[in-house]
Each structure stands twice: as C-alpha cells, then as structure tokens.
Amino acid sequence: MKNRNPFEVLLDENCNDNVIFTNDKGEKIEFEQYALINLNNEQYAILRPINLGLDDDILIAYNIFVEGNNYELIEVEDDDLLDEIYEEYNKLSKNKK
C-alpha cells in the first residue's frame, strides 16, 4: 500500500485510518479520526491523540488550513468556536445513530 500524505488520509471521507503527523519539534503524533466538520466555510478535524499519554476521552479540534499545496493543522483555542464545532459534531453523531 502506498504511503499517503496524512492530510490525504484525513480528508478522505471513506478512510478512518489513524493519521500520523509530525509536529514542529519533529515528534510523530498518532491520532484517531473522529470527524471532519465543515463550518463557516472552514474545515475542522476532531482528533484523539493516541501516543501523548492523555486520557482516552480527550478530543482536540483542529482547523485544517490549506494554502496551495500546503496543509497545516492549527489547534482551535477559541472557546466560542470550539462550542460551535462540538455542537456540529454532536448533531452529526446523533444523525449516524
């Protein structure tokens, strides 16, 4: 199987594989995918870090920033925006049941 760019895996709606990103310090962090959220013309990923030693119920929302062929995950820190993202996530989760 071809090694895919982690953003290709993340943005593939038919793929739920874990994704591995390298942070600014060169550390590889593995994430379990929970959801892709489109909100206010922006795309967000809800991910659970696997190898950071955090509790299993910790989910982190990231803005998927795209500029040309460059992608970047930016952690969402604005509380109001986080509320909107998780509200949308909860709606999606209820619709899947």
N, C-alpha and C. Protein backbone atom coordinates (compact mmCIF):
# COMPACT_ATOMS: atom_id res chain seq x y z
N MET A 1 0.83 -1.18 0.00
CA MET A 1 0.00 0.00 0.00
C MET A 1 0.88 1.25 0.00
N LYS A 2 0.52 2.20 -0.84
CA LYS A 2 1.29 3.42 -0.99
C LYS A 2 1.23 4.26 0.29
N ASN A 3 2.36 4.84 0.66
CA ASN A 3 2.39 5.76 1.79
C ASN A 3 1.67 7.03 1.38
N ARG A 4 0.59 7.35 2.06
CA ARG A 4 -0.20 8.52 1.72
C ARG A 4 0.14 9.67 2.65
N ASN A 5 0.06 10.86 2.12
CA ASN A 5 0.20 12.06 2.90
C ASN A 5 -0.87 12.03 3.99
N PRO A 6 -0.54 12.34 5.24
CA PRO A 6 -1.55 12.25 6.30
C PRO A 6 -2.76 13.15 6.06
N PHE A 7 -2.58 14.26 5.35
CA PHE A 7 -3.73 15.11 5.04
C PHE A 7 -4.65 14.45 4.02
N GLU A 8 -4.08 13.67 3.08
CA GLU A 8 -4.91 12.92 2.14
C GLU A 8 -5.77 11.91 2.89
N VAL A 9 -5.17 11.23 3.86
CA VAL A 9 -5.90 10.26 4.68
C VAL A 9 -7.00 10.97 5.47
N LEU A 10 -6.64 12.08 6.10
CA LEU A 10 -7.58 12.83 6.93
C LEU A 10 -8.76 13.35 6.12
N LEU A 11 -8.51 13.83 4.92
CA LEU A 11 -9.56 14.44 4.11
C LEU A 11 -10.34 13.42 3.29
N ASP A 12 -9.92 12.16 3.29
CA ASP A 12 -10.63 11.10 2.58
C ASP A 12 -11.81 10.65 3.43
N GLU A 13 -13.02 11.04 3.03
CA GLU A 13 -14.21 10.74 3.83
C GLU A 13 -14.49 9.25 3.94
N ASN A 14 -13.88 8.44 3.08
CA ASN A 14 -14.08 6.99 3.12
C ASN A 14 -13.00 6.26 3.90
N CYS A 15 -12.11 7.01 4.52
CA CYS A 15 -10.98 6.42 5.24
C CYS A 15 -11.03 6.87 6.70
N ASN A 16 -11.02 5.89 7.59
CA ASN A 16 -11.00 6.20 9.03
C ASN A 16 -9.71 5.74 9.69
N ASP A 17 -8.68 5.50 8.89
CA ASP A 17 -7.40 5.08 9.44
C ASP A 17 -6.83 6.15 10.36
N ASN A 18 -6.05 5.71 11.33
CA ASN A 18 -5.32 6.67 12.15
C ASN A 18 -4.36 7.44 11.27
N VAL A 19 -4.09 8.67 11.67
CA VAL A 19 -3.15 9.51 10.92
C VAL A 19 -1.99 9.88 11.82
N ILE A 20 -0.83 10.03 11.22
CA ILE A 20 0.37 10.40 11.97
C ILE A 20 0.90 11.70 11.39
N PHE A 21 1.01 12.70 12.26
CA PHE A 21 1.56 13.99 11.88
C PHE A 21 2.85 14.23 12.64
N THR A 22 3.71 15.03 12.07
CA THR A 22 4.96 15.41 12.72
C THR A 22 4.81 16.86 13.19
N ASN A 23 5.05 17.10 14.48
CA ASN A 23 4.91 18.46 15.00
C ASN A 23 6.16 19.28 14.71
N ASP A 24 6.15 20.53 15.16
CA ASP A 24 7.27 21.45 14.92
C ASP A 24 8.58 20.98 15.53
N LYS A 25 8.49 20.10 16.54
CA LYS A 25 9.69 19.58 17.20
C LYS A 25 10.20 18.30 16.55
N GLY A 26 9.52 17.85 15.48
CA GLY A 26 9.92 16.64 14.79
C GLY A 26 9.37 15.37 15.41
N GLU A 27 8.47 15.50 16.40
CA GLU A 27 7.88 14.33 17.06
C GLU A 27 6.67 13.85 16.25
N LYS A 28 6.56 12.54 16.11
CA LYS A 28 5.42 11.95 15.41
C LYS A 28 4.29 11.73 16.41
N ILE A 29 3.10 12.22 16.05
CA ILE A 29 1.93 12.08 16.91
C ILE A 29 0.86 11.35 16.11
N GLU A 30 0.36 10.26 16.68
CA GLU A 30 -0.68 9.49 16.03
C GLU A 30 -2.04 9.92 16.57
N PHE A 31 -2.99 10.07 15.65
CA PHE A 31 -4.34 10.49 16.00
C PHE A 31 -5.36 9.51 15.47
N GLU A 32 -6.41 9.30 16.26
CA GLU A 32 -7.59 8.59 15.80
C GLU A 32 -8.56 9.64 15.26
N GLN A 33 -9.11 9.37 14.08
CA GLN A 33 -10.05 10.31 13.47
C GLN A 33 -11.45 10.15 14.07
N TYR A 34 -12.07 11.26 14.40
CA TYR A 34 -13.44 11.24 14.89
C TYR A 34 -14.40 11.88 13.90
N ALA A 35 -14.04 13.05 13.36
CA ALA A 35 -14.97 13.71 12.44
C ALA A 35 -14.27 14.81 11.65
N LEU A 36 -14.81 15.06 10.47
CA LEU A 36 -14.49 16.26 9.70
C LEU A 36 -15.73 17.13 9.76
N ILE A 37 -15.55 18.38 10.10
CA ILE A 37 -16.65 19.32 10.27
C ILE A 37 -16.44 20.49 9.32
N ASN A 38 -17.46 20.78 8.51
CA ASN A 38 -17.45 21.99 7.70
C ASN A 38 -18.32 23.02 8.39
N LEU A 39 -17.72 24.16 8.70
CA LEU A 39 -18.43 25.18 9.46
C LEU A 39 -17.92 26.55 9.04
N ASN A 40 -18.84 27.42 8.63
CA ASN A 40 -18.47 28.79 8.26
C ASN A 40 -17.36 28.84 7.21
N ASN A 41 -17.48 28.00 6.19
CA ASN A 41 -16.51 27.94 5.08
C ASN A 41 -15.11 27.53 5.52
N GLU A 42 -15.01 26.87 6.65
CA GLU A 42 -13.74 26.34 7.14
C GLU A 42 -13.92 24.85 7.39
N GLN A 43 -12.81 24.13 7.36
CA GLN A 43 -12.86 22.69 7.62
C GLN A 43 -12.08 22.40 8.90
N TYR A 44 -12.71 21.58 9.76
CA TYR A 44 -12.12 21.23 11.05
C TYR A 44 -12.06 19.72 11.18
N ALA A 45 -11.05 19.25 11.87
CA ALA A 45 -10.93 17.83 12.18
C ALA A 45 -11.01 17.67 13.69
N ILE A 46 -11.79 16.70 14.11
CA ILE A 46 -11.81 16.33 15.53
C ILE A 46 -11.02 15.04 15.64
N LEU A 47 -9.94 15.11 16.41
CA LEU A 47 -8.99 14.02 16.51
C LEU A 47 -8.73 13.68 17.97
N ARG A 48 -8.34 12.41 18.20
CA ARG A 48 -7.93 11.98 19.54
C ARG A 48 -6.47 11.55 19.46
N PRO A 49 -5.60 12.27 20.18
CA PRO A 49 -4.19 11.87 20.19
C PRO A 49 -4.02 10.54 20.91
N ILE A 50 -3.27 9.65 20.29
CA ILE A 50 -3.11 8.29 20.84
C ILE A 50 -1.84 8.15 21.67
N ASN A 51 -0.76 8.73 21.23
CA ASN A 51 0.52 8.47 21.88
C ASN A 51 1.07 9.65 22.69
N LEU A 52 0.17 10.45 23.25
CA LEU A 52 0.62 11.59 24.07
C LEU A 52 0.41 11.36 25.56
N GLY A 53 -0.14 10.21 25.92
CA GLY A 53 -0.37 9.91 27.32
C GLY A 53 -1.56 10.65 27.92
N LEU A 54 -2.47 11.12 27.05
CA LEU A 54 -3.66 11.82 27.54
C LEU A 54 -4.78 10.82 27.79
N ASP A 55 -5.79 11.24 28.54
CA ASP A 55 -6.96 10.39 28.78
C ASP A 55 -7.61 10.03 27.45
N ASP A 56 -8.24 8.85 27.41
CA ASP A 56 -8.87 8.37 26.19
C ASP A 56 -10.04 9.22 25.72
N ASP A 57 -10.60 10.03 26.61
CA ASP A 57 -11.76 10.82 26.22
C ASP A 57 -11.40 12.25 25.78
N ILE A 58 -10.11 12.51 25.59
CA ILE A 58 -9.66 13.83 25.14
C ILE A 58 -9.75 13.89 23.62
N LEU A 59 -10.57 14.83 23.15
CA LEU A 59 -10.67 15.10 21.71
C LEU A 59 -10.18 16.52 21.49
N ILE A 60 -9.49 16.72 20.36
CA ILE A 60 -8.95 18.05 20.04
C ILE A 60 -9.47 18.45 18.67
N ALA A 61 -9.94 19.69 18.57
CA ALA A 61 -10.41 20.22 17.29
C ALA A 61 -9.29 21.02 16.64
N TYR A 62 -9.09 20.76 15.36
CA TYR A 62 -8.07 21.46 14.58
C TYR A 62 -8.70 22.08 13.35
N ASN A 63 -8.27 23.29 13.03
CA ASN A 63 -8.61 23.89 11.75
C ASN A 63 -7.65 23.31 10.72
N ILE A 64 -8.19 22.88 9.59
CA ILE A 64 -7.33 22.38 8.51
C ILE A 64 -7.07 23.57 7.59
N PHE A 65 -5.90 24.14 7.72
CA PHE A 65 -5.52 25.32 6.95
C PHE A 65 -4.86 24.87 5.66
N VAL A 66 -5.38 25.34 4.54
CA VAL A 66 -4.85 24.96 3.23
C VAL A 66 -4.43 26.22 2.50
N GLU A 67 -3.20 26.19 2.02
CA GLU A 67 -2.70 27.28 1.18
C GLU A 67 -1.94 26.65 0.02
N GLY A 68 -2.57 26.66 -1.15
CA GLY A 68 -1.98 25.99 -2.31
C GLY A 68 -1.90 24.50 -2.05
N ASN A 69 -0.71 23.94 -2.13
CA ASN A 69 -0.49 22.52 -1.86
C ASN A 69 0.00 22.27 -0.44
N ASN A 70 -0.01 23.31 0.39
CA ASN A 70 0.46 23.19 1.76
C ASN A 70 -0.72 23.09 2.72
N TYR A 71 -0.62 22.15 3.65
CA TYR A 71 -1.65 21.93 4.64
C TYR A 71 -1.04 22.11 6.03
N GLU A 72 -1.87 22.57 6.95
CA GLU A 72 -1.41 22.71 8.33
C GLU A 72 -2.60 22.49 9.26
N LEU A 73 -2.35 21.80 10.36
CA LEU A 73 -3.35 21.66 11.41
C LEU A 73 -3.09 22.73 12.44
N ILE A 74 -4.12 23.50 12.76
CA ILE A 74 -3.99 24.55 13.77
C ILE A 74 -5.03 24.27 14.85
N GLU A 75 -4.55 24.02 16.06
CA GLU A 75 -5.48 23.71 17.16
C GLU A 75 -6.41 24.89 17.41
N VAL A 76 -7.70 24.59 17.52
CA VAL A 76 -8.69 25.61 17.80
C VAL A 76 -8.67 25.90 19.29
N GLU A 77 -8.46 27.15 19.64
CA GLU A 77 -8.38 27.54 21.05
C GLU A 77 -9.49 28.49 21.46
N ASP A 78 -10.22 29.05 20.50
CA ASP A 78 -11.31 29.97 20.79
C ASP A 78 -12.50 29.18 21.35
N ASP A 79 -12.91 29.49 22.58
CA ASP A 79 -13.96 28.73 23.25
C ASP A 79 -15.29 28.78 22.51
N ASP A 80 -15.65 29.93 21.97
CA ASP A 80 -16.92 30.04 21.24
C ASP A 80 -16.90 29.18 19.98
N LEU A 81 -15.78 29.21 19.27
CA LEU A 81 -15.65 28.40 18.07
C LEU A 81 -15.65 26.91 18.42
N LEU A 82 -14.96 26.55 19.49
CA LEU A 82 -14.97 25.16 19.94
C LEU A 82 -16.39 24.69 20.24
N ASP A 83 -17.17 25.53 20.89
CA ASP A 83 -18.57 25.18 21.18
C ASP A 83 -19.34 24.92 19.89
N GLU A 84 -19.14 25.77 18.88
CA GLU A 84 -19.82 25.59 17.60
C GLU A 84 -19.41 24.28 16.92
N ILE A 85 -18.11 24.00 16.96
CA ILE A 85 -17.59 22.78 16.32
C ILE A 85 -18.16 21.55 17.01
N TYR A 86 -18.11 21.53 18.34
CA TYR A 86 -18.59 20.35 19.06
C TYR A 86 -20.11 20.22 18.98
N GLU A 87 -20.82 21.33 18.85
CA GLU A 87 -22.27 21.28 18.65
C GLU A 87 -22.58 20.60 17.30
N GLU A 88 -21.83 20.98 16.28
CA GLU A 88 -22.00 20.37 14.95
C GLU A 88 -21.61 18.89 15.00
N TYR A 89 -20.56 18.57 15.70
CA TYR A 89 -20.13 17.18 15.86
C TYR A 89 -21.24 16.36 16.53
N ASN A 90 -21.83 16.90 17.57
CA ASN A 90 -22.91 16.19 18.27
C ASN A 90 -24.11 15.98 17.35
N LYS A 91 -24.44 16.96 16.52
CA LYS A 91 -25.53 16.80 15.54
C LYS A 91 -25.22 15.65 14.58
N LEU A 92 -23.99 15.63 14.08
CA LEU A 92 -23.58 14.56 13.14
C LEU A 92 -23.62 13.20 13.82
N SER A 93 -23.17 13.16 15.05
CA SER A 93 -23.14 11.89 15.79
C SER A 93 -24.56 11.35 15.99
N LYS A 94 -25.50 12.23 16.31
CA LYS A 94 -26.89 11.80 16.50
C LYS A 94 -27.50 11.31 15.20
N ASN A 95 -27.14 11.93 14.08
CA ASN A 95 -27.68 11.53 12.79
C ASN A 95 -27.15 10.16 12.34
N LYS A 96 -25.99 9.77 12.82
CA LYS A 96 -25.41 8.47 12.44
C LYS A 96 -26.02 7.33 13.21
N LYS A 97 -26.68 7.61 14.32
CA LYS A 97 -27.26 6.55 15.17
C LYS A 97 -28.56 6.05 14.61
